[in-house]
Amino acid sequence: MRGDNLQARTIGVFALDTATTPFAVELLLSIEQTAQQAGWNVFILNLLSNPPTDQNIDLMLSHRPDGLIFSAMGLRQVSIPERLKSKPLVLANCLADDSHLVSYVPDDEAGQHRAMQHALNQGYRRPLCINLPRKSLAWGLRQQG
């Protein structure tokens, strides 16, 4: 129960495959740790579909978040329902059609370049590079790297 002078600050996280994928759990852990250090609470909702269903949205909004984060495993395009656009919103490892939304994505080009440079520095002359499927948004960036 919230007191008159106590305001709980809450961030709601829609987790697209990030709560159930070992490679992406670090993303959610980082969100939680950073929020806690700043005195915020985090409510994480694992999503099985994109965009979130009306039931997902109702559940999230029932917690009265001050802001929202959409997180995804693997750089991907996401759909943001109109009902959520009135809240402060940040995208983590995903992109949306709305150019006004802030997106934090990994630098796949530089990461791939550093990995190949490291292999070459170790003496490998023709390192094998296993890349993502061509349909992946990060594929072209990693190829450039």
N, C-alpha and C. Protein backbone atom coordinates (compact mmCIF):
# COMPACT_ATOMS: atom_id res chain seq x y z
N MET A 1 0.84 -1.17 0.00
CA MET A 1 0.00 0.00 0.00
C MET A 1 0.89 1.24 0.00
N ARG A 2 0.58 2.16 -0.84
CA ARG A 2 1.39 3.37 -0.97
C ARG A 2 0.96 4.41 0.05
N GLY A 3 1.92 4.98 0.76
CA GLY A 3 1.63 6.05 1.70
C GLY A 3 1.43 7.37 0.97
N ASP A 4 0.90 8.34 1.68
CA ASP A 4 0.65 9.64 1.06
C ASP A 4 1.94 10.30 0.57
N ASN A 5 3.03 10.15 1.33
CA ASN A 5 4.27 10.83 0.95
C ASN A 5 5.28 9.88 0.32
N LEU A 6 4.87 8.65 0.08
CA LEU A 6 5.78 7.66 -0.50
C LEU A 6 5.33 7.36 -1.92
N GLN A 7 6.19 7.59 -2.86
CA GLN A 7 5.85 7.31 -4.25
C GLN A 7 6.75 6.19 -4.75
N ALA A 8 6.14 5.05 -5.05
CA ALA A 8 6.92 3.94 -5.61
C ALA A 8 7.21 4.26 -7.07
N ARG A 9 8.45 4.16 -7.43
CA ARG A 9 8.84 4.41 -8.82
C ARG A 9 9.05 3.05 -9.48
N THR A 10 8.29 2.80 -10.52
CA THR A 10 8.28 1.48 -11.13
C THR A 10 8.53 1.56 -12.63
N ILE A 11 9.37 0.66 -13.10
CA ILE A 11 9.62 0.49 -14.53
C ILE A 11 9.02 -0.86 -14.92
N GLY A 12 8.20 -0.86 -15.93
CA GLY A 12 7.64 -2.10 -16.46
C GLY A 12 8.46 -2.56 -17.65
N VAL A 13 8.81 -3.84 -17.67
CA VAL A 13 9.62 -4.40 -18.76
C VAL A 13 8.82 -5.48 -19.48
N PHE A 14 8.60 -5.27 -20.77
CA PHE A 14 8.05 -6.32 -21.63
C PHE A 14 9.24 -7.09 -22.17
N ALA A 15 9.39 -8.34 -21.77
CA ALA A 15 10.56 -9.15 -22.14
C ALA A 15 10.19 -10.12 -23.25
N LEU A 16 10.65 -9.82 -24.47
CA LEU A 16 10.41 -10.70 -25.62
C LEU A 16 11.55 -11.71 -25.70
N ASP A 17 11.35 -12.89 -25.18
CA ASP A 17 12.34 -13.97 -25.18
C ASP A 17 13.56 -13.68 -24.31
N THR A 18 13.59 -12.58 -23.59
CA THR A 18 14.78 -12.29 -22.78
C THR A 18 14.72 -12.94 -21.41
N ALA A 19 13.54 -13.29 -20.93
CA ALA A 19 13.43 -13.91 -19.61
C ALA A 19 13.68 -15.41 -19.67
N THR A 20 13.64 -15.99 -20.86
CA THR A 20 13.75 -17.45 -20.98
C THR A 20 14.94 -17.90 -21.80
N THR A 21 15.76 -16.98 -22.26
CA THR A 21 16.89 -17.32 -23.11
C THR A 21 18.18 -17.04 -22.35
N PRO A 22 19.03 -18.07 -22.15
CA PRO A 22 20.24 -17.88 -21.34
C PRO A 22 21.13 -16.73 -21.80
N PHE A 23 21.20 -16.48 -23.10
CA PHE A 23 22.09 -15.44 -23.61
C PHE A 23 21.57 -14.03 -23.33
N ALA A 24 20.29 -13.91 -23.02
CA ALA A 24 19.70 -12.58 -22.86
C ALA A 24 19.34 -12.24 -21.42
N VAL A 25 19.47 -13.19 -20.52
CA VAL A 25 19.12 -12.93 -19.12
C VAL A 25 19.95 -11.79 -18.55
N GLU A 26 21.20 -11.64 -19.00
CA GLU A 26 22.06 -10.56 -18.53
C GLU A 26 21.44 -9.19 -18.79
N LEU A 27 20.71 -9.06 -19.88
CA LEU A 27 20.06 -7.79 -20.20
C LEU A 27 19.06 -7.43 -19.11
N LEU A 28 18.22 -8.38 -18.73
CA LEU A 28 17.23 -8.12 -17.68
C LEU A 28 17.90 -7.89 -16.32
N LEU A 29 18.94 -8.66 -16.05
CA LEU A 29 19.67 -8.49 -14.80
C LEU A 29 20.26 -7.08 -14.71
N SER A 30 20.80 -6.60 -15.80
CA SER A 30 21.37 -5.24 -15.84
C SER A 30 20.30 -4.18 -15.61
N ILE A 31 19.13 -4.38 -16.20
CA ILE A 31 18.02 -3.44 -16.00
C ILE A 31 17.64 -3.42 -14.52
N GLU A 32 17.50 -4.60 -13.92
CA GLU A 32 17.12 -4.67 -12.50
C GLU A 32 18.16 -4.04 -11.59
N GLN A 33 19.43 -4.35 -11.81
CA GLN A 33 20.48 -3.81 -10.96
C GLN A 33 20.57 -2.29 -11.07
N THR A 34 20.51 -1.79 -12.29
CA THR A 34 20.59 -0.34 -12.50
C THR A 34 19.39 0.36 -11.86
N ALA A 35 18.21 -0.20 -12.04
CA ALA A 35 17.01 0.40 -11.46
C ALA A 35 17.08 0.41 -9.94
N GLN A 36 17.49 -0.70 -9.36
CA GLN A 36 17.57 -0.78 -7.90
C GLN A 36 18.57 0.23 -7.34
N GLN A 37 19.70 0.39 -8.01
CA GLN A 37 20.70 1.36 -7.56
C GLN A 37 20.14 2.78 -7.56
N ALA A 38 19.21 3.04 -8.45
CA ALA A 38 18.60 4.37 -8.54
C ALA A 38 17.31 4.48 -7.72
N GLY A 39 16.97 3.41 -6.97
CA GLY A 39 15.78 3.46 -6.14
C GLY A 39 14.48 3.14 -6.85
N TRP A 40 14.55 2.46 -7.97
CA TRP A 40 13.36 2.11 -8.74
C TRP A 40 13.04 0.63 -8.55
N ASN A 41 11.76 0.30 -8.73
CA ASN A 41 11.29 -1.09 -8.76
C ASN A 41 11.12 -1.50 -10.21
N VAL A 42 11.23 -2.80 -10.46
CA VAL A 42 11.08 -3.32 -11.82
C VAL A 42 10.03 -4.43 -11.81
N PHE A 43 9.10 -4.36 -12.76
CA PHE A 43 8.12 -5.41 -12.97
C PHE A 43 8.38 -5.97 -14.36
N ILE A 44 8.77 -7.25 -14.44
CA ILE A 44 9.11 -7.88 -15.72
C ILE A 44 7.99 -8.82 -16.14
N LEU A 45 7.53 -8.67 -17.37
CA LEU A 45 6.49 -9.52 -17.92
C LEU A 45 7.04 -10.23 -19.15
N ASN A 46 7.18 -11.55 -19.06
CA ASN A 46 7.68 -12.33 -20.19
C ASN A 46 6.59 -12.43 -21.25
N LEU A 47 6.94 -12.10 -22.48
CA LEU A 47 5.97 -12.14 -23.58
C LEU A 47 6.24 -13.32 -24.49
N LEU A 48 5.16 -13.94 -24.93
CA LEU A 48 5.26 -15.02 -25.90
C LEU A 48 4.85 -14.55 -27.28
N SER A 49 4.39 -13.30 -27.37
CA SER A 49 3.97 -12.77 -28.67
C SER A 49 4.35 -11.31 -28.77
N ASN A 50 4.52 -10.85 -29.98
CA ASN A 50 4.77 -9.44 -30.26
C ASN A 50 3.77 -9.03 -31.34
N PRO A 51 2.97 -8.04 -31.14
CA PRO A 51 2.91 -7.17 -29.97
C PRO A 51 2.27 -7.87 -28.77
N PRO A 52 2.39 -7.25 -27.59
CA PRO A 52 1.75 -7.84 -26.41
C PRO A 52 0.24 -7.90 -26.59
N THR A 53 -0.37 -8.91 -25.99
CA THR A 53 -1.82 -9.04 -26.05
C THR A 53 -2.47 -7.99 -25.16
N ASP A 54 -3.78 -7.79 -25.33
CA ASP A 54 -4.50 -6.86 -24.46
C ASP A 54 -4.38 -7.29 -23.01
N GLN A 55 -4.40 -8.60 -22.76
CA GLN A 55 -4.26 -9.11 -21.40
C GLN A 55 -2.88 -8.74 -20.83
N ASN A 56 -1.82 -8.87 -21.65
CA ASN A 56 -0.47 -8.47 -21.22
C ASN A 56 -0.43 -6.99 -20.88
N ILE A 57 -1.02 -6.17 -21.74
CA ILE A 57 -1.01 -4.72 -21.53
C ILE A 57 -1.78 -4.35 -20.27
N ASP A 58 -2.96 -4.96 -20.09
CA ASP A 58 -3.76 -4.68 -18.89
C ASP A 58 -2.99 -5.03 -17.62
N LEU A 59 -2.32 -6.19 -17.64
CA LEU A 59 -1.54 -6.61 -16.47
C LEU A 59 -0.42 -5.61 -16.18
N MET A 60 0.30 -5.22 -17.22
CA MET A 60 1.40 -4.28 -17.02
C MET A 60 0.89 -2.94 -16.48
N LEU A 61 -0.15 -2.41 -17.09
CA LEU A 61 -0.67 -1.10 -16.68
C LEU A 61 -1.31 -1.14 -15.29
N SER A 62 -1.76 -2.32 -14.85
CA SER A 62 -2.33 -2.43 -13.50
C SER A 62 -1.27 -2.17 -12.42
N HIS A 63 -0.01 -2.30 -12.77
CA HIS A 63 1.08 -2.02 -11.84
C HIS A 63 1.51 -0.55 -11.86
N ARG A 64 0.83 0.24 -12.68
CA ARG A 64 1.05 1.68 -12.79
C ARG A 64 2.52 2.06 -12.98
N PRO A 65 3.17 1.51 -14.00
CA PRO A 65 4.58 1.85 -14.21
C PRO A 65 4.76 3.31 -14.62
N ASP A 66 5.87 3.88 -14.19
CA ASP A 66 6.20 5.25 -14.57
C ASP A 66 6.79 5.29 -15.97
N GLY A 67 7.34 4.18 -16.42
CA GLY A 67 7.93 4.07 -17.74
C GLY A 67 8.01 2.61 -18.14
N LEU A 68 8.28 2.38 -19.42
CA LEU A 68 8.30 1.02 -19.95
C LEU A 68 9.59 0.77 -20.73
N ILE A 69 10.00 -0.48 -20.72
CA ILE A 69 11.12 -0.95 -21.54
C ILE A 69 10.64 -2.16 -22.32
N PHE A 70 10.92 -2.19 -23.61
CA PHE A 70 10.74 -3.39 -24.41
C PHE A 70 12.13 -3.97 -24.61
N SER A 71 12.33 -5.24 -24.23
CA SER A 71 13.63 -5.89 -24.45
C SER A 71 13.41 -7.12 -25.32
N ALA A 72 14.42 -7.45 -26.13
CA ALA A 72 14.30 -8.59 -27.03
C ALA A 72 15.59 -9.37 -27.10
N MET A 73 15.46 -10.66 -27.33
CA MET A 73 16.61 -11.52 -27.60
C MET A 73 16.86 -11.45 -29.10
N GLY A 74 18.01 -11.00 -29.48
CA GLY A 74 18.31 -10.86 -30.91
C GLY A 74 17.67 -9.59 -31.44
N LEU A 75 18.46 -8.76 -32.06
CA LEU A 75 17.96 -7.50 -32.61
C LEU A 75 16.78 -7.77 -33.52
N ARG A 76 15.66 -7.13 -33.22
CA ARG A 76 14.45 -7.35 -34.02
C ARG A 76 13.57 -6.12 -34.04
N GLN A 77 12.64 -6.12 -34.97
CA GLN A 77 11.63 -5.08 -35.08
C GLN A 77 10.48 -5.45 -34.15
N VAL A 78 9.97 -4.48 -33.40
CA VAL A 78 8.83 -4.73 -32.51
C VAL A 78 7.70 -3.75 -32.83
N SER A 79 6.49 -4.17 -32.49
CA SER A 79 5.31 -3.33 -32.64
C SER A 79 4.91 -2.80 -31.28
N ILE A 80 4.75 -1.50 -31.18
CA ILE A 80 4.36 -0.87 -29.93
C ILE A 80 2.88 -0.50 -30.03
N PRO A 81 2.03 -1.12 -29.21
CA PRO A 81 0.60 -0.79 -29.24
C PRO A 81 0.35 0.67 -28.85
N GLU A 82 -0.65 1.26 -29.46
CA GLU A 82 -0.98 2.67 -29.20
C GLU A 82 -1.20 2.95 -27.72
N ARG A 83 -1.80 2.01 -27.00
CA ARG A 83 -2.11 2.21 -25.58
C ARG A 83 -0.85 2.46 -24.75
N LEU A 84 0.29 2.04 -25.25
CA LEU A 84 1.52 2.17 -24.47
C LEU A 84 2.34 3.40 -24.84
N LYS A 85 1.99 4.04 -25.93
CA LYS A 85 2.81 5.15 -26.43
C LYS A 85 2.70 6.43 -25.59
N SER A 86 1.75 6.48 -24.67
CA SER A 86 1.63 7.66 -23.82
C SER A 86 2.61 7.61 -22.64
N LYS A 87 3.22 6.45 -22.41
CA LYS A 87 4.20 6.28 -21.33
C LYS A 87 5.61 6.54 -21.86
N PRO A 88 6.52 7.00 -21.01
CA PRO A 88 7.93 7.04 -21.42
C PRO A 88 8.36 5.61 -21.78
N LEU A 89 9.02 5.47 -22.92
CA LEU A 89 9.30 4.14 -23.46
C LEU A 89 10.70 4.08 -24.04
N VAL A 90 11.42 3.01 -23.72
CA VAL A 90 12.77 2.77 -24.22
C VAL A 90 12.82 1.36 -24.79
N LEU A 91 13.56 1.19 -25.87
CA LEU A 91 13.72 -0.13 -26.50
C LEU A 91 15.14 -0.64 -26.24
N ALA A 92 15.25 -1.90 -25.84
CA ALA A 92 16.55 -2.52 -25.57
C ALA A 92 16.72 -3.72 -26.49
N ASN A 93 17.67 -3.62 -27.41
CA ASN A 93 17.97 -4.66 -28.38
C ASN A 93 16.81 -4.89 -29.34
N CYS A 94 16.07 -3.83 -29.63
CA CYS A 94 14.99 -3.92 -30.61
C CYS A 94 14.73 -2.53 -31.19
N LEU A 95 14.03 -2.52 -32.30
CA LEU A 95 13.72 -1.28 -33.02
C LEU A 95 12.22 -1.23 -33.30
N ALA A 96 11.68 -0.03 -33.44
CA ALA A 96 10.28 0.16 -33.80
C ALA A 96 10.19 1.15 -34.95
N ASP A 97 9.03 1.20 -35.59
CA ASP A 97 8.84 2.12 -36.71
C ASP A 97 8.87 3.58 -36.27
N ASP A 98 8.55 3.86 -35.02
CA ASP A 98 8.50 5.22 -34.51
C ASP A 98 9.92 5.73 -34.25
N SER A 99 10.38 6.68 -35.05
CA SER A 99 11.75 7.19 -34.93
C SER A 99 11.96 8.04 -33.68
N HIS A 100 10.89 8.38 -32.98
CA HIS A 100 11.02 9.17 -31.75
C HIS A 100 11.36 8.31 -30.53
N LEU A 101 11.27 7.00 -30.67
CA LEU A 101 11.57 6.12 -29.55
C LEU A 101 13.08 5.90 -29.44
N VAL A 102 13.56 5.89 -28.21
CA VAL A 102 14.98 5.66 -27.96
C VAL A 102 15.24 4.16 -28.00
N SER A 103 16.26 3.76 -28.77
CA SER A 103 16.64 2.35 -28.88
C SER A 103 18.10 2.18 -28.50
N TYR A 104 18.34 1.24 -27.60
CA TYR A 104 19.70 0.87 -27.23
C TYR A 104 19.97 -0.49 -27.84
N VAL A 105 20.90 -0.52 -28.79
CA VAL A 105 21.21 -1.77 -29.49
C VAL A 105 22.73 -2.00 -29.47
N PRO A 106 23.14 -3.26 -29.51
CA PRO A 106 24.58 -3.53 -29.53
C PRO A 106 25.20 -3.07 -30.84
N ASP A 107 26.47 -2.76 -30.79
CA ASP A 107 27.21 -2.37 -31.98
C ASP A 107 27.74 -3.65 -32.63
N ASP A 108 26.87 -4.30 -33.41
CA ASP A 108 27.23 -5.58 -34.02
C ASP A 108 28.41 -5.47 -34.97
N GLU A 109 28.51 -4.36 -35.68
CA GLU A 109 29.62 -4.19 -36.62
C GLU A 109 30.95 -4.14 -35.87
N ALA A 110 31.04 -3.29 -34.86
CA ALA A 110 32.30 -3.17 -34.11
C ALA A 110 32.61 -4.45 -33.34
N GLY A 111 31.58 -5.09 -32.80
CA GLY A 111 31.79 -6.34 -32.06
C GLY A 111 32.37 -7.43 -32.95
N GLN A 112 31.82 -7.56 -34.15
CA GLN A 112 32.33 -8.56 -35.09
C GLN A 112 33.75 -8.22 -35.52
N HIS A 113 34.00 -6.93 -35.74
CA HIS A 113 35.34 -6.51 -36.15
C HIS A 113 36.36 -6.84 -35.06
N ARG A 114 36.01 -6.54 -33.81
CA ARG A 114 36.93 -6.84 -32.69
C ARG A 114 37.17 -8.34 -32.56
N ALA A 115 36.13 -9.14 -32.75
CA ALA A 115 36.29 -10.59 -32.65
C ALA A 115 37.23 -11.11 -33.74
N MET A 116 37.07 -10.62 -34.96
CA MET A 116 37.95 -11.07 -36.05
C MET A 116 39.37 -10.56 -35.84
N GLN A 117 39.51 -9.33 -35.37
CA GLN A 117 40.84 -8.78 -35.09
C GLN A 117 41.55 -9.60 -34.02
N HIS A 118 40.82 -10.01 -33.01
CA HIS A 118 41.39 -10.84 -31.94
C HIS A 118 41.87 -12.17 -32.51
N ALA A 119 41.07 -12.80 -33.35
CA ALA A 119 41.46 -14.08 -33.96
C ALA A 119 42.72 -13.90 -34.81
N LEU A 120 42.78 -12.83 -35.58
CA LEU A 120 43.96 -12.57 -36.41
C LEU A 120 45.19 -12.29 -35.54
N ASN A 121 45.00 -11.56 -34.44
CA ASN A 121 46.12 -11.28 -33.53
C ASN A 121 46.63 -12.54 -32.84
N GLN A 122 45.79 -13.55 -32.75
CA GLN A 122 46.19 -14.82 -32.16
C GLN A 122 46.93 -15.71 -33.16
N GLY A 123 47.06 -15.23 -34.39
CA GLY A 123 47.82 -15.97 -35.39
C GLY A 123 46.97 -16.70 -36.42
N TYR A 124 45.67 -16.67 -36.26
CA TYR A 124 44.81 -17.33 -37.25
C TYR A 124 44.78 -16.46 -38.51
N ARG A 125 44.92 -17.09 -39.65
CA ARG A 125 44.96 -16.33 -40.91
C ARG A 125 43.64 -16.40 -41.67
N ARG A 126 42.88 -17.44 -41.49
CA ARG A 126 41.60 -17.57 -42.19
C ARG A 126 40.54 -18.06 -41.20
N PRO A 127 40.20 -17.23 -40.20
CA PRO A 127 39.25 -17.69 -39.19
C PRO A 127 37.86 -17.91 -39.79
N LEU A 128 37.21 -18.93 -39.31
CA LEU A 128 35.84 -19.22 -39.73
C LEU A 128 34.90 -18.31 -38.96
N CYS A 129 34.03 -17.65 -39.67
CA CYS A 129 33.07 -16.74 -39.05
C CYS A 129 31.67 -17.31 -39.23
N ILE A 130 31.07 -17.72 -38.14
CA ILE A 130 29.69 -18.21 -38.19
C ILE A 130 28.79 -17.02 -37.88
N ASN A 131 27.92 -16.70 -38.83
CA ASN A 131 27.10 -15.50 -38.70
C ASN A 131 25.65 -15.87 -38.44
N LEU A 132 24.85 -14.87 -38.24
CA LEU A 132 23.41 -15.02 -38.04
C LEU A 132 22.73 -15.32 -39.37
N PRO A 133 21.47 -15.76 -39.34
CA PRO A 133 20.72 -15.92 -40.59
C PRO A 133 20.62 -14.58 -41.32
N ARG A 134 20.59 -14.63 -42.63
CA ARG A 134 20.54 -13.41 -43.45
C ARG A 134 19.34 -12.52 -43.14
N LYS A 135 18.25 -13.10 -42.71
CA LYS A 135 17.04 -12.30 -42.42
C LYS A 135 17.17 -11.50 -41.12
N SER A 136 18.17 -11.79 -40.31
CA SER A 136 18.38 -11.08 -39.05
C SER A 136 18.78 -9.63 -39.32
N LEU A 137 18.26 -8.71 -38.50
CA LEU A 137 18.61 -7.30 -38.65
C LEU A 137 20.10 -7.05 -38.44
N ALA A 138 20.75 -7.88 -37.63
CA ALA A 138 22.17 -7.67 -37.32
C ALA A 138 23.09 -8.33 -38.34
N TRP A 139 22.57 -9.13 -39.25
CA TRP A 139 23.42 -9.88 -40.19
C TRP A 139 24.32 -8.95 -41.00
N GLY A 140 23.74 -7.94 -41.63
CA GLY A 140 24.52 -7.04 -42.48
C GLY A 140 25.59 -6.29 -41.69
N LEU A 141 25.26 -5.88 -40.48
CA LEU A 141 26.23 -5.17 -39.65
C LEU A 141 27.41 -6.07 -39.30
N ARG A 142 27.11 -7.31 -38.97
CA ARG A 142 28.20 -8.24 -38.64
C ARG A 142 29.04 -8.56 -39.87
N GLN A 143 28.42 -8.63 -41.02
CA GLN A 143 29.18 -8.87 -42.25
C GLN A 143 30.15 -7.71 -42.51
N GLN A 144 29.69 -6.49 -42.28
CA GLN A 144 30.56 -5.33 -42.47
C GLN A 144 31.73 -5.35 -41.49
N GLY A 145 31.47 -5.83 -40.28
CA GLY A 145 32.52 -5.90 -39.26
C GLY A 145 33.58 -6.91 -39.62
